[in-house]
Amino acid sequence: MTKHSRRERERRSLETERVKEIESAWIKSVPADAAAAFAASVQAARERGPLPRPADMAPGTPPRPPRPGHEPRPPKETTRSRRSY
């Protein structure tokens, strides 16, 4: 866990308060029907949850199996050496 100085915690809390003020001012400036539609879309996104994790591949790369003869080697078994010390 990261520890922050008192000054850092105060700065972060002030930033959070300022963001909430800006957010509430923005919501008040938006027409009521647009604000309701935005709130509904945010609620739907929160209910949907996070997206599943994508595959560990470069973007645009189709999943292809390795070519014959180029399969990855099986893990090497560790054997004890015959020498004894």
PDB file of N, CA and C in Angstrom:
ATOM      1  N   MET A   1       0.846  -1.169   0.000  1.00  0.00           N
ATOM      2  CA  MET A   1       0.000   0.000   0.000  1.00  0.00           C
ATOM      3  C   MET A   1       0.893   1.235   0.000  1.00  0.00           C
ATOM      4  N   THR A   2       0.523   2.209  -0.796  1.00  0.00           N
ATOM      5  CA  THR A   2       1.331   3.415  -0.917  1.00  0.00           C
ATOM      6  C   THR A   2       0.905   4.426   0.127  1.00  0.00           C
ATOM      7  N   LYS A   3       1.883   5.028   0.765  1.00  0.00           N
ATOM      8  CA  LYS A   3       1.590   6.084   1.725  1.00  0.00           C
ATOM      9  C   LYS A   3       1.857   7.417   1.055  1.00  0.00           C
ATOM     10  N   HIS A   4       0.960   8.355   1.260  1.00  0.00           N
ATOM     11  CA  HIS A   4       1.101   9.684   0.705  1.00  0.00           C
ATOM     12  C   HIS A   4       1.231  10.689   1.845  1.00  0.00           C
ATOM     13  N   SER A   5       1.894  11.774   1.541  1.00  0.00           N
ATOM     14  CA  SER A   5       2.057  12.812   2.549  1.00  0.00           C
ATOM     15  C   SER A   5       0.725  13.502   2.806  1.00  0.00           C
ATOM     16  N   ARG A   6       0.652  14.217   3.912  1.00  0.00           N
ATOM     17  CA  ARG A   6      -0.567  14.932   4.257  1.00  0.00           C
ATOM     18  C   ARG A   6      -0.914  15.944   3.163  1.00  0.00           C
ATOM     19  N   ARG A   7       0.117  16.622   2.651  1.00  0.00           N
ATOM     20  CA  ARG A   7      -0.111  17.605   1.599  1.00  0.00           C
ATOM     21  C   ARG A   7      -0.673  16.949   0.339  1.00  0.00           C
ATOM     22  N   GLU A   8      -0.160  15.780  -0.016  1.00  0.00           N
ATOM     23  CA  GLU A   8      -0.654  15.055  -1.182  1.00  0.00           C
ATOM     24  C   GLU A   8      -2.108  14.635  -0.985  1.00  0.00           C
ATOM     25  N   ARG A   9      -2.448  14.142   0.198  1.00  0.00           N
ATOM     26  CA  ARG A   9      -3.835  13.751   0.471  1.00  0.00           C
ATOM     27  C   ARG A   9      -4.765  14.956   0.405  1.00  0.00           C
ATOM     28  N   GLU A  10      -4.320  16.095   0.946  1.00  0.00           N
ATOM     29  CA  GLU A  10      -5.147  17.306   0.892  1.00  0.00           C
ATOM     30  C   GLU A  10      -5.335  17.764  -0.551  1.00  0.00           C
ATOM     31  N   ARG A  11      -4.259  17.707  -1.334  1.00  0.00           N
ATOM     32  CA  ARG A  11      -4.355  18.120  -2.734  1.00  0.00           C
ATOM     33  C   ARG A  11      -5.324  17.225  -3.494  1.00  0.00           C
ATOM     34  N   ARG A  12      -5.250  15.931  -3.245  1.00  0.00           N
ATOM     35  CA  ARG A  12      -6.161  15.001  -3.915  1.00  0.00           C
ATOM     36  C   ARG A  12      -7.609  15.229  -3.503  1.00  0.00           C
ATOM     37  N   SER A  13      -7.837  15.493  -2.226  1.00  0.00           N
ATOM     38  CA  SER A  13      -9.214  15.733  -1.789  1.00  0.00           C
ATOM     39  C   SER A  13      -9.753  17.031  -2.394  1.00  0.00           C
ATOM     40  N   LEU A  14      -8.903  18.061  -2.498  1.00  0.00           N
ATOM     41  CA  LEU A  14      -9.336  19.304  -3.140  1.00  0.00           C
ATOM     42  C   LEU A  14      -9.644  19.086  -4.624  1.00  0.00           C
ATOM     43  N   GLU A  15      -8.823  18.274  -5.289  1.00  0.00           N
ATOM     44  CA  GLU A  15      -9.083  17.956  -6.694  1.00  0.00           C
ATOM     45  C   GLU A  15     -10.412  17.224  -6.841  1.00  0.00           C
ATOM     46  N   THR A  16     -10.674  16.296  -5.952  1.00  0.00           N
ATOM     47  CA  THR A  16     -11.925  15.537  -6.008  1.00  0.00           C
ATOM     48  C   THR A  16     -13.125  16.454  -5.820  1.00  0.00           C
ATOM     49  N   GLU A  17     -13.043  17.351  -4.855  1.00  0.00           N
ATOM     50  CA  GLU A  17     -14.132  18.300  -4.633  1.00  0.00           C
ATOM     51  C   GLU A  17     -14.340  19.183  -5.855  1.00  0.00           C
ATOM     52  N   ARG A  18     -13.249  19.646  -6.460  1.00  0.00           N
ATOM     53  CA  ARG A  18     -13.346  20.521  -7.636  1.00  0.00           C
ATOM     54  C   ARG A  18     -13.972  19.773  -8.807  1.00  0.00           C
ATOM     55  N   VAL A  19     -13.608  18.527  -8.994  1.00  0.00           N
ATOM     56  CA  VAL A  19     -14.190  17.732 -10.076  1.00  0.00           C
ATOM     57  C   VAL A  19     -15.683  17.559  -9.855  1.00  0.00           C
ATOM     58  N   LYS A  20     -16.100  17.321  -8.606  1.00  0.00           N
ATOM     59  CA  LYS A  20     -17.525  17.183  -8.318  1.00  0.00           C
ATOM     60  C   LYS A  20     -18.266  18.479  -8.599  1.00  0.00           C
ATOM     61  N   GLU A  21     -17.663  19.633  -8.278  1.00  0.00           N
ATOM     62  CA  GLU A  21     -18.284  20.919  -8.573  1.00  0.00           C
ATOM     63  C   GLU A  21     -18.451  21.114 -10.073  1.00  0.00           C
ATOM     64  N   ILE A  22     -17.394  20.807 -10.830  1.00  0.00           N
ATOM     65  CA  ILE A  22     -17.462  20.959 -12.283  1.00  0.00           C
ATOM     66  C   ILE A  22     -18.510  20.020 -12.875  1.00  0.00           C
ATOM     67  N   GLU A  23     -18.546  18.799 -12.366  1.00  0.00           N
ATOM     68  CA  GLU A  23     -19.508  17.817 -12.862  1.00  0.00           C
ATOM     69  C   GLU A  23     -20.946  18.258 -12.594  1.00  0.00           C
ATOM     70  N   SER A  24     -21.207  18.759 -11.393  1.00  0.00           N
ATOM     71  CA  SER A  24     -22.567  19.206 -11.083  1.00  0.00           C
ATOM     72  C   SER A  24     -22.941  20.433 -11.911  1.00  0.00           C
ATOM     73  N   ALA A  25     -21.997  21.356 -12.153  1.00  0.00           N
ATOM     74  CA  ALA A  25     -22.276  22.520 -12.997  1.00  0.00           C
ATOM     75  C   ALA A  25     -22.565  22.086 -14.428  1.00  0.00           C
ATOM     76  N   TRP A  26     -21.840  21.084 -14.909  1.00  0.00           N
ATOM     77  CA  TRP A  26     -22.073  20.603 -16.266  1.00  0.00           C
ATOM     78  C   TRP A  26     -23.458  19.967 -16.378  1.00  0.00           C
ATOM     79  N   ILE A  27     -23.813  19.155 -15.379  1.00  0.00           N
ATOM     80  CA  ILE A  27     -25.124  18.496 -15.409  1.00  0.00           C
ATOM     81  C   ILE A  27     -26.245  19.527 -15.378  1.00  0.00           C
ATOM     82  N   LYS A  28     -26.074  20.613 -14.616  1.00  0.00           N
ATOM     83  CA  LYS A  28     -27.090  21.665 -14.559  1.00  0.00           C
ATOM     84  C   LYS A  28     -27.195  22.422 -15.878  1.00  0.00           C
ATOM     85  N   SER A  29     -26.097  22.513 -16.635  1.00  0.00           N
ATOM     86  CA  SER A  29     -26.122  23.261 -17.893  1.00  0.00           C
ATOM     87  C   SER A  29     -26.702  22.458 -19.051  1.00  0.00           C
ATOM     88  N   VAL A  30     -26.761  21.134 -18.920  1.00  0.00           N
ATOM     89  CA  VAL A  30     -27.290  20.273 -19.973  1.00  0.00           C
ATOM     90  C   VAL A  30     -28.817  20.230 -19.848  1.00  0.00           C
ATOM     91  N   PRO A  31     -29.539  20.207 -20.972  1.00  0.00           N
ATOM     92  CA  PRO A  31     -31.000  20.072 -20.909  1.00  0.00           C
ATOM     93  C   PRO A  31     -31.412  18.800 -20.169  1.00  0.00           C
ATOM     94  N   ALA A  32     -32.576  18.850 -19.546  1.00  0.00           N
ATOM     95  CA  ALA A  32     -33.030  17.752 -18.679  1.00  0.00           C
ATOM     96  C   ALA A  32     -33.141  16.431 -19.427  1.00  0.00           C
ATOM     97  N   ASP A  33     -33.678  16.443 -20.654  1.00  0.00           N
ATOM     98  CA  ASP A  33     -33.835  15.183 -21.389  1.00  0.00           C
ATOM     99  C   ASP A  33     -32.473  14.581 -21.769  1.00  0.00           C
ATOM    100  N   ALA A  34     -31.502  15.433 -22.124  1.00  0.00           N
ATOM    101  CA  ALA A  34     -30.168  14.934 -22.456  1.00  0.00           C
ATOM    102  C   ALA A  34     -29.472  14.395 -21.206  1.00  0.00           C
ATOM    103  N   ALA A  35     -29.658  15.071 -20.071  1.00  0.00           N
ATOM    104  CA  ALA A  35     -29.054  14.601 -18.825  1.00  0.00           C
ATOM    105  C   ALA A  35     -29.651  13.260 -18.413  1.00  0.00           C
ATOM    106  N   ALA A  36     -30.964  13.096 -18.595  1.00  0.00           N
ATOM    107  CA  ALA A  36     -31.605  11.829 -18.249  1.00  0.00           C
ATOM    108  C   ALA A  36     -31.108  10.707 -19.159  1.00  0.00           C
ATOM    109  N   ALA A  37     -30.952  11.001 -20.451  1.00  0.00           N
ATOM    110  CA  ALA A  37     -30.450   9.984 -21.379  1.00  0.00           C
ATOM    111  C   ALA A  37     -29.013   9.604 -21.025  1.00  0.00           C
ATOM    112  N   PHE A  38     -28.207  10.598 -20.664  1.00  0.00           N
ATOM    113  CA  PHE A  38     -26.818  10.329 -20.283  1.00  0.00           C
ATOM    114  C   PHE A  38     -26.772   9.482 -19.018  1.00  0.00           C
ATOM    115  N   ALA A  39     -27.586   9.823 -18.029  1.00  0.00           N
ATOM    116  CA  ALA A  39     -27.609   9.058 -16.779  1.00  0.00           C
ATOM    117  C   ALA A  39     -28.045   7.616 -17.039  1.00  0.00           C
ATOM    118  N   ALA A  40     -29.013   7.442 -17.947  1.00  0.00           N
ATOM    119  CA  ALA A  40     -29.468   6.091 -18.266  1.00  0.00           C
ATOM    120  C   ALA A  40     -28.363   5.293 -18.957  1.00  0.00           C
ATOM    121  N   SER A  41     -27.621   5.931 -19.862  1.00  0.00           N
ATOM    122  CA  SER A  41     -26.546   5.207 -20.544  1.00  0.00           C
ATOM    123  C   SER A  41     -25.412   4.855 -19.579  1.00  0.00           C
ATOM    124  N   VAL A  42     -25.129   5.737 -18.634  1.00  0.00           N
ATOM    125  CA  VAL A  42     -24.099   5.450 -17.629  1.00  0.00           C
ATOM    126  C   VAL A  42     -24.533   4.283 -16.747  1.00  0.00           C
ATOM    127  N   GLN A  43     -25.794   4.290 -16.339  1.00  0.00           N
ATOM    128  CA  GLN A  43     -26.315   3.201 -15.497  1.00  0.00           C
ATOM    129  C   GLN A  43     -26.263   1.870 -16.243  1.00  0.00           C
ATOM    130  N   ALA A  44     -26.614   1.887 -17.539  1.00  0.00           N
ATOM    131  CA  ALA A  44     -26.576   0.653 -18.330  1.00  0.00           C
ATOM    132  C   ALA A  44     -25.137   0.140 -18.446  1.00  0.00           C
ATOM    133  N   ALA A  45     -24.187   1.052 -18.621  1.00  0.00           N
ATOM    134  CA  ALA A  45     -22.788   0.638 -18.733  1.00  0.00           C
ATOM    135  C   ALA A  45     -22.290   0.050 -17.420  1.00  0.00           C
ATOM    136  N   ARG A  46     -22.694   0.621 -16.299  1.00  0.00           N
ATOM    137  CA  ARG A  46     -22.274   0.090 -14.996  1.00  0.00           C
ATOM    138  C   ARG A  46     -22.882  -1.276 -14.729  1.00  0.00           C
ATOM    139  N   GLU A  47     -24.108  -1.485 -15.139  1.00  0.00           N
ATOM    140  CA  GLU A  47     -24.757  -2.785 -14.943  1.00  0.00           C
ATOM    141  C   GLU A  47     -24.129  -3.850 -15.846  1.00  0.00           C
ATOM    142  N   ARG A  48     -23.664  -3.430 -17.024  1.00  0.00           N
ATOM    143  CA  ARG A  48     -23.070  -4.376 -17.963  1.00  0.00           C
ATOM    144  C   ARG A  48     -21.771  -4.941 -17.410  1.00  0.00           C
ATOM    145  N   GLY A  49     -21.021  -4.143 -16.719  1.00  0.00           N
ATOM    146  CA  GLY A  49     -19.776  -4.614 -16.125  1.00  0.00           C
ATOM    147  C   GLY A  49     -18.614  -4.492 -17.085  1.00  0.00           C
ATOM    148  N   PRO A  50     -17.432  -4.926 -16.649  1.00  0.00           N
ATOM    149  CA  PRO A  50     -16.252  -4.812 -17.507  1.00  0.00           C
ATOM    150  C   PRO A  50     -16.304  -5.799 -18.669  1.00  0.00           C
ATOM    151  N   LEU A  51     -15.624  -5.452 -19.751  1.00  0.00           N
ATOM    152  CA  LEU A  51     -15.544  -6.329 -20.908  1.00  0.00           C
ATOM    153  C   LEU A  51     -14.589  -7.478 -20.607  1.00  0.00           C
ATOM    154  N   PRO A  52     -14.781  -8.632 -21.250  1.00  0.00           N
ATOM    155  CA  PRO A  52     -13.840  -9.736 -21.020  1.00  0.00           C
ATOM    156  C   PRO A  52     -12.460  -9.369 -21.540  1.00  0.00           C
ATOM    157  N   ARG A  53     -11.448  -9.945 -20.933  1.00  0.00           N
ATOM    158  CA  ARG A  53     -10.064  -9.638 -21.299  1.00  0.00           C
ATOM    159  C   ARG A  53      -9.771 -10.170 -22.695  1.00  0.00           C
ATOM    160  N   PRO A  54      -9.180  -9.347 -23.575  1.00  0.00           N
ATOM    161  CA  PRO A  54      -8.870  -9.833 -24.919  1.00  0.00           C
ATOM    162  C   PRO A  54      -7.707 -10.830 -24.895  1.00  0.00           C
ATOM    163  N   ALA A  55      -7.566 -11.550 -25.982  1.00  0.00           N
ATOM    164  CA  ALA A  55      -6.488 -12.528 -26.094  1.00  0.00           C
ATOM    165  C   ALA A  55      -5.139 -11.819 -26.124  1.00  0.00           C
ATOM    166  N   ASP A  56      -4.104 -12.513 -25.681  1.00  0.00           N
ATOM    167  CA  ASP A  56      -2.762 -11.936 -25.666  1.00  0.00           C
ATOM    168  C   ASP A  56      -2.119 -12.085 -27.043  1.00  0.00           C
ATOM    169  N   MET A  57      -2.574 -11.244 -27.969  1.00  0.00           N
ATOM    170  CA  MET A  57      -2.024 -11.267 -29.319  1.00  0.00           C
ATOM    171  C   MET A  57      -1.898  -9.835 -29.810  1.00  0.00           C
ATOM    172  N   ALA A  58      -1.085  -9.654 -30.829  1.00  0.00           N
ATOM    173  CA  ALA A  58      -0.969  -8.349 -31.450  1.00  0.00           C
ATOM    174  C   ALA A  58      -2.295  -8.024 -32.133  1.00  0.00           C
ATOM    175  N   PRO A  59      -2.693  -6.729 -32.169  1.00  0.00           N
ATOM    176  CA  PRO A  59      -3.970  -6.388 -32.793  1.00  0.00           C
ATOM    177  C   PRO A  59      -3.977  -6.746 -34.274  1.00  0.00           C
ATOM    178  N   GLY A  60      -5.077  -7.303 -34.725  1.00  0.00           N
ATOM    179  CA  GLY A  60      -5.221  -7.670 -36.126  1.00  0.00           C
ATOM    180  C   GLY A  60      -4.595  -8.998 -36.485  1.00  0.00           C
ATOM    181  N   THR A  61      -4.070  -9.730 -35.527  1.00  0.00           N
ATOM    182  CA  THR A  61      -3.433 -11.008 -35.800  1.00  0.00           C
ATOM    183  C   THR A  61      -4.460 -12.123 -35.665  1.00  0.00           C
ATOM    184  N   PRO A  62      -4.694 -12.882 -36.731  1.00  0.00           N
ATOM    185  CA  PRO A  62      -5.647 -13.986 -36.595  1.00  0.00           C
ATOM    186  C   PRO A  62      -5.024 -15.126 -35.802  1.00  0.00           C
ATOM    187  N   PRO A  63      -5.811 -15.811 -34.997  1.00  0.00           N
ATOM    188  CA  PRO A  63      -5.248 -16.930 -34.236  1.00  0.00           C
ATOM    189  C   PRO A  63      -4.947 -18.112 -35.167  1.00  0.00           C
ATOM    190  N   ARG A  64      -3.682 -18.410 -35.318  1.00  0.00           N
ATOM    191  CA  ARG A  64      -3.283 -19.516 -36.183  1.00  0.00           C
ATOM    192  C   ARG A  64      -2.428 -20.484 -35.371  1.00  0.00           C
ATOM    193  N   PRO A  65      -2.619 -21.779 -35.578  1.00  0.00           N
ATOM    194  CA  PRO A  65      -1.767 -22.734 -34.874  1.00  0.00           C
ATOM    195  C   PRO A  65      -0.361 -22.719 -35.485  1.00  0.00           C
ATOM    196  N   PRO A  66       0.633 -23.220 -34.768  1.00  0.00           N
ATOM    197  CA  PRO A  66       1.986 -23.239 -35.333  1.00  0.00           C
ATOM    198  C   PRO A  66       2.065 -24.184 -36.533  1.00  0.00           C
ATOM    199  N   ARG A  67       2.990 -23.900 -37.440  1.00  0.00           N
ATOM    200  CA  ARG A  67       3.177 -24.745 -38.622  1.00  0.00           C
ATOM    201  C   ARG A  67       3.695 -26.104 -38.182  1.00  0.00           C
ATOM    202  N   PRO A  68       3.419 -27.147 -38.960  1.00  0.00           N
ATOM    203  CA  PRO A  68       3.937 -28.469 -38.603  1.00  0.00           C
ATOM    204  C   PRO A  68       5.459 -28.450 -38.530  1.00  0.00           C
ATOM    205  N   GLY A  69       5.990 -29.026 -37.485  1.00  0.00           N
ATOM    206  CA  GLY A  69       7.428 -29.052 -37.290  1.00  0.00           C
ATOM    207  C   GLY A  69       7.945 -27.839 -36.532  1.00  0.00           C
ATOM    208  N   HIS A  70       7.091 -26.847 -36.272  1.00  0.00           N
ATOM    209  CA  HIS A  70       7.497 -25.638 -35.565  1.00  0.00           C
ATOM    210  C   HIS A  70       6.757 -25.484 -34.234  1.00  0.00           C
ATOM    211  N   GLU A  71       6.264 -26.573 -33.704  1.00  0.00           N
ATOM    212  CA  GLU A  71       5.548 -26.516 -32.441  1.00  0.00           C
ATOM    213  C   GLU A  71       6.516 -26.138 -31.326  1.00  0.00           C
ATOM    214  N   PRO A  72       6.017 -25.503 -30.285  1.00  0.00           N
ATOM    215  CA  PRO A  72       6.914 -25.182 -29.175  1.00  0.00           C
ATOM    216  C   PRO A  72       7.397 -26.450 -28.484  1.00  0.00           C
ATOM    217  N   ARG A  73       8.617 -26.390 -28.000  1.00  0.00           N
ATOM    218  CA  ARG A  73       9.192 -27.556 -27.329  1.00  0.00           C
ATOM    219  C   ARG A  73       8.511 -27.758 -25.981  1.00  0.00           C
ATOM    220  N   PRO A  74       8.372 -29.028 -25.584  1.00  0.00           N
ATOM    221  CA  PRO A  74       7.815 -29.281 -24.248  1.00  0.00           C
ATOM    222  C   PRO A  74       8.811 -28.832 -23.185  1.00  0.00           C
ATOM    223  N   PRO A  75       8.338 -28.510 -22.010  1.00  0.00           N
ATOM    224  CA  PRO A  75       9.267 -28.072 -20.967  1.00  0.00           C
ATOM    225  C   PRO A  75      10.264 -29.179 -20.624  1.00  0.00           C
ATOM    226  N   LYS A  76      11.503 -28.774 -20.408  1.00  0.00           N
ATOM    227  CA  LYS A  76      12.567 -29.719 -20.140  1.00  0.00           C
ATOM    228  C   LYS A  76      12.423 -30.265 -18.720  1.00  0.00           C
ATOM    229  N   GLU A  77      12.519 -31.577 -18.601  1.00  0.00           N
ATOM    230  CA  GLU A  77      12.421 -32.188 -17.281  1.00  0.00           C
ATOM    231  C   GLU A  77      13.751 -32.033 -16.562  1.00  0.00           C
ATOM    232  N   THR A  78      13.688 -31.637 -15.339  1.00  0.00           N
ATOM    233  CA  THR A  78      14.929 -31.482 -14.581  1.00  0.00           C
ATOM    234  C   THR A  78      15.327 -32.842 -14.019  1.00  0.00           C
ATOM    235  N   THR A  79      16.535 -33.235 -14.330  1.00  0.00           N
ATOM    236  CA  THR A  79      17.052 -34.498 -13.811  1.00  0.00           C
ATOM    237  C   THR A  79      18.260 -34.199 -12.956  1.00  0.00           C
ATOM    238  N   ARG A  80      18.471 -35.034 -11.977  1.00  0.00           N
ATOM    239  CA  ARG A  80      19.635 -34.865 -11.123  1.00  0.00           C
ATOM    240  C   ARG A  80      20.875 -35.312 -11.874  1.00  0.00           C
ATOM    241  N   SER A  81      21.940 -34.585 -11.664  1.00  0.00           N
ATOM    242  CA  SER A  81      23.192 -34.984 -12.318  1.00  0.00           C
ATOM    243  C   SER A  81      23.738 -36.228 -11.639  1.00  0.00           C
ATOM    244  N   ARG A  82      24.539 -36.980 -12.353  1.00  0.00           N
ATOM    245  CA  ARG A  82      25.104 -38.208 -11.792  1.00  0.00           C
ATOM    246  C   ARG A  82      26.248 -37.917 -10.848  1.00  0.00           C
ATOM    247  N   ARG A  83      26.773 -36.730 -10.941  1.00  0.00           N
ATOM    248  CA  ARG A  83      27.867 -36.372 -10.053  1.00  0.00           C
ATOM    249  C   ARG A  83      27.316 -36.076  -8.673  1.00  0.00           C
ATOM    250  N   SER A  84      27.999 -36.567  -7.707  1.00  0.00           N
ATOM    251  CA  SER A  84      27.602 -36.244  -6.336  1.00  0.00           C
ATOM    252  C   SER A  84      28.732 -35.489  -5.685  1.00  0.00           C
ATOM    253  N   TYR A  85      28.419 -34.478  -4.966  1.00  0.00           N
ATOM    254  CA  TYR A  85      29.441 -33.641  -4.352  1.00  0.00           C
ATOM    255  C   TYR A  85      29.560 -33.932  -2.888  1.00  0.00           C
TER     256      TYR A  85
END
